């Protein structure tokens, strides 16, 4: 819930940068696995995504469609997405370790 309601406010006020907020709330493995899963690629961006973008991607994993009139994702959708992300990140970590 904290991520859903506070990430846009913190980003707008400039209290904390996107990079710092993403690092504080997500492990490196988690945002990398999330990015690569959503974009179907193995190439990582030079900078981590914003926290609001991560929340949208997590919601997408949980079944959120993100249509024009859908509003913000709910708690249940985010929970489902976080559960999927946990499994995806664990797999990502195993595959990265196997690559050496």
Protein backbone atom coordinates (compact mmCIF):
# COMPACT_ATOMS: atom_id res chain seq x y z
CA UNK A 1 0.00 0.00 0.00
CA UNK A 2 2.82 2.37 0.83
CA UNK A 3 4.20 2.04 -2.68
CA UNK A 4 0.84 2.69 -4.34
CA UNK A 5 -0.14 5.80 -2.44
CA UNK A 6 3.18 7.46 -1.64
CA UNK A 7 5.31 6.87 -4.71
CA UNK A 8 3.63 9.53 -6.90
CA UNK A 9 3.70 12.07 -4.05
CA UNK A 10 7.37 11.54 -3.26
CA UNK A 11 8.34 11.68 -6.89
CA UNK A 12 6.43 14.96 -7.42
CA UNK A 13 7.82 16.70 -4.35
CA UNK A 14 11.37 15.64 -5.12
CA UNK A 15 11.90 14.45 -1.55
CA UNK A 16 13.69 11.41 -2.85
CA UNK A 17 14.92 10.53 -6.32
CA UNK A 18 13.54 7.67 -8.40
CA UNK A 19 16.83 5.81 -8.21
CA UNK A 20 17.06 6.00 -4.42
CA UNK A 21 13.41 5.08 -3.90
CA UNK A 22 13.61 2.09 -6.21
CA UNK A 23 16.77 0.85 -4.53
CA UNK A 24 15.29 1.35 -1.05
CA UNK A 25 12.13 -0.59 -1.83
CA UNK A 26 13.28 -3.25 -4.26
CA UNK A 27 16.33 -5.44 -4.27
CA UNK A 28 18.50 -5.17 -7.33
CA UNK A 29 17.46 -8.64 -8.45
CA UNK A 30 13.76 -7.79 -8.13
CA UNK A 31 13.68 -4.73 -10.36
CA UNK A 32 15.95 -6.37 -12.91
CA UNK A 33 13.75 -9.47 -13.08
CA UNK A 34 10.64 -7.29 -13.25
CA UNK A 35 12.01 -5.16 -16.08
CA UNK A 36 13.17 -8.12 -18.14
CA UNK A 37 9.92 -10.02 -17.64
CA UNK A 38 7.69 -7.10 -18.64
CA UNK A 39 9.82 -6.16 -21.66
CA UNK A 40 10.68 -9.75 -22.67
CA UNK A 41 14.39 -8.95 -22.94
CA UNK A 42 17.66 -9.75 -21.23
CA UNK A 43 19.08 -6.25 -21.76
CA UNK A 44 18.83 -4.03 -18.68
CA UNK A 45 18.40 -0.25 -18.81
CA UNK A 46 21.28 1.92 -17.57
CA UNK A 47 19.13 3.39 -14.78
CA UNK A 48 16.49 1.70 -12.62
CA UNK A 49 12.86 2.50 -13.48
CA UNK A 50 10.79 4.87 -11.37
CA UNK A 51 8.86 3.40 -8.48
CA UNK A 52 5.53 4.37 -10.05
CA UNK A 53 6.50 2.44 -13.18
CA UNK A 54 7.50 -0.56 -11.04
CA UNK A 55 4.14 -0.45 -9.26
CA UNK A 56 2.35 -0.49 -12.63
CA UNK A 57 4.43 -3.43 -13.82
CA UNK A 58 3.80 -5.34 -10.59
CA UNK A 59 0.09 -4.66 -10.98
CA UNK A 60 0.30 -5.95 -14.55
CA UNK A 61 1.78 -9.21 -13.21
CA UNK A 62 -1.21 -9.36 -10.86
CA UNK A 63 -3.74 -8.98 -13.67
CA UNK A 64 -4.15 -5.20 -13.90
CA UNK A 65 -5.02 -4.18 -17.46
CA UNK A 66 -4.23 -0.47 -17.17
CA UNK A 67 -7.03 0.72 -19.42
CA UNK A 68 -7.91 4.40 -19.64
CA UNK A 69 -10.72 4.31 -17.08
CA UNK A 70 -9.32 1.67 -14.73
CA UNK A 71 -7.80 4.01 -12.14
CA UNK A 72 -5.00 2.84 -9.88
CA UNK A 73 -4.36 -0.84 -9.11
CA UNK A 74 -5.84 -2.22 -5.91
CA UNK A 75 -4.32 -4.07 -3.00
CA UNK A 76 -5.32 -7.55 -4.17
CA UNK A 77 -3.89 -6.97 -7.64
CA UNK A 78 -0.61 -5.68 -6.20
CA UNK A 79 -0.42 -8.60 -3.80
CA UNK A 80 -0.87 -11.08 -6.63
CA UNK A 81 1.78 -9.27 -8.66
CA UNK A 82 4.24 -9.25 -5.75
CA UNK A 83 3.75 -12.98 -5.27
CA UNK A 84 4.53 -13.57 -8.94
CA UNK A 85 7.49 -11.18 -8.79
CA UNK A 86 8.93 -13.10 -5.85
CA UNK A 87 8.95 -16.32 -7.90
CA UNK A 88 10.26 -14.55 -11.01
CA UNK A 89 13.07 -12.89 -9.04
CA UNK A 90 14.08 -16.20 -7.45
CA UNK A 91 14.26 -17.81 -10.89
CA UNK A 92 16.15 -14.81 -12.27
CA UNK A 93 18.70 -15.10 -9.47
CA UNK A 94 19.21 -18.81 -10.11
CA UNK A 95 19.69 -18.27 -13.84
CA UNK A 96 22.12 -15.38 -13.30
CA UNK A 97 24.15 -17.51 -10.86
CA UNK A 98 24.26 -20.36 -13.39
CA UNK A 99 25.65 -17.99 -16.03
CA UNK A 100 28.57 -17.27 -13.75
